[in-house]
Amino acid sequence: MMFWYGHDMSGWVYAGMAIGMVVFWVLIIAGIVMLIRYTTGAPQGPAVPQFPPYGESPERLLAARFARGEIDEAEYRQRLAALRASPYQ
């Protein structure tokens, strides 16, 4: 059997293994952090304000539409009566 000289690992191989190990652990830790954030339901962005915007009531919004002339008086009164009869207030 023939043995050749110089087939041991050089410093570059050890450096490559060290860098590879650091990258491996960074990926593992980042994966765990992302998994924890995903499973705990952390907020992904700013919360969207719910209706009514800026604290305005539906009646005030309806009155503003009537004042701008978007709806006439009959439609205003009909919608206002429907809002006041609604069980969701």
Protein backbone atom coordinates (compact mmCIF):
# COMPACT_ATOMS: atom_id res chain seq x y z
CA MET A 1 0.00 0.00 0.00
CA MET A 2 1.31 3.41 -0.90
CA PHE A 3 1.10 6.44 1.46
CA TRP A 4 1.49 9.87 0.01
CA TYR A 5 2.84 12.83 1.84
CA GLY A 6 0.68 15.89 2.62
CA HIS A 7 -2.83 14.49 2.92
CA ASP A 8 -3.58 15.95 6.33
CA MET A 9 -6.04 18.80 6.92
CA SER A 10 -4.58 22.25 6.55
CA GLY A 11 -5.50 25.42 8.41
CA TRP A 12 -8.04 26.37 5.73
CA VAL A 13 -10.05 23.22 6.36
CA TYR A 14 -10.22 23.97 10.09
CA ALA A 15 -11.22 27.58 9.36
CA GLY A 16 -13.94 26.38 6.99
CA MET A 17 -15.29 23.97 9.59
CA ALA A 18 -15.33 26.70 12.25
CA ILE A 19 -17.19 29.12 9.98
CA GLY A 20 -19.60 26.38 8.98
CA MET A 21 -20.33 25.57 12.62
CA VAL A 22 -21.04 29.23 13.43
CA VAL A 23 -23.39 29.53 10.44
CA PHE A 24 -25.12 26.30 11.45
CA TRP A 25 -25.82 27.51 15.00
CA VAL A 26 -26.96 30.94 13.81
CA LEU A 27 -29.49 29.28 11.49
CA ILE A 28 -30.70 26.96 14.25
CA ILE A 29 -31.18 29.83 16.73
CA ALA A 30 -32.89 32.04 14.13
CA GLY A 31 -35.24 29.17 13.25
CA ILE A 32 -36.17 28.66 16.89
CA VAL A 33 -36.84 32.38 17.38
CA MET A 34 -39.03 32.52 14.27
CA LEU A 35 -40.93 29.41 15.36
CA ILE A 36 -41.59 30.91 18.79
CA ARG A 37 -42.80 34.18 17.27
CA TYR A 38 -45.07 32.32 14.85
CA THR A 39 -46.62 30.08 17.50
CA THR A 40 -47.17 32.81 20.10
CA GLY A 41 -49.01 35.01 17.63
CA ALA A 42 -46.81 38.06 17.99
CA PRO A 43 -48.25 41.06 16.13
CA GLN A 44 -46.92 41.33 12.60
CA GLY A 45 -47.67 44.99 12.00
CA PRO A 46 -49.55 48.01 13.30
CA ALA A 47 -53.07 47.39 14.49
CA VAL A 48 -55.85 48.56 12.18
CA PRO A 49 -58.34 50.82 13.96
CA GLN A 50 -61.84 49.41 14.08
CA PHE A 51 -65.10 51.16 13.22
CA PRO A 52 -65.92 53.93 14.04
CA PRO A 53 -62.79 55.88 13.06
CA TYR A 54 -61.59 58.69 15.32
CA GLY A 55 -64.35 58.04 17.83
CA GLU A 56 -67.15 59.18 15.56
CA SER A 57 -70.46 57.46 16.00
CA PRO A 58 -72.44 56.13 13.04
CA GLU A 59 -75.03 58.83 13.63
CA ARG A 60 -72.40 61.56 13.30
CA LEU A 61 -71.08 60.01 10.10
CA LEU A 62 -74.61 59.90 8.73
CA ALA A 63 -75.17 63.53 9.73
CA ALA A 64 -71.93 64.52 7.99
CA ARG A 65 -73.06 62.81 4.78
CA PHE A 66 -76.39 64.65 5.03
CA ALA A 67 -74.59 67.95 5.60
CA ARG A 68 -72.37 67.39 2.55
CA GLY A 69 -75.46 66.71 0.43
CA GLU A 70 -74.58 63.08 -0.34
CA ILE A 71 -78.01 61.91 0.85
CA ASP A 72 -81.38 63.66 1.01
CA GLU A 73 -83.54 64.23 4.09
CA ALA A 74 -85.79 61.21 3.55
CA GLU A 75 -82.83 58.85 3.22
CA TYR A 76 -81.18 60.48 6.25
CA ARG A 77 -84.26 59.95 8.42
CA GLN A 78 -84.71 56.38 7.18
CA ARG A 79 -81.09 55.44 7.92
CA LEU A 80 -81.13 57.24 11.27
CA ALA A 81 -84.22 55.26 12.32
CA ALA A 82 -82.53 52.03 11.22
CA LEU A 83 -79.41 52.90 13.25
CA ARG A 84 -81.42 53.66 16.37
CA ALA A 85 -83.44 50.44 16.01
CA SER A 86 -80.27 48.36 15.64
CA PRO A 87 -79.55 46.01 18.59
CA TYR A 88 -75.77 46.38 18.05
CA GLN A 89 -75.38 49.81 19.65
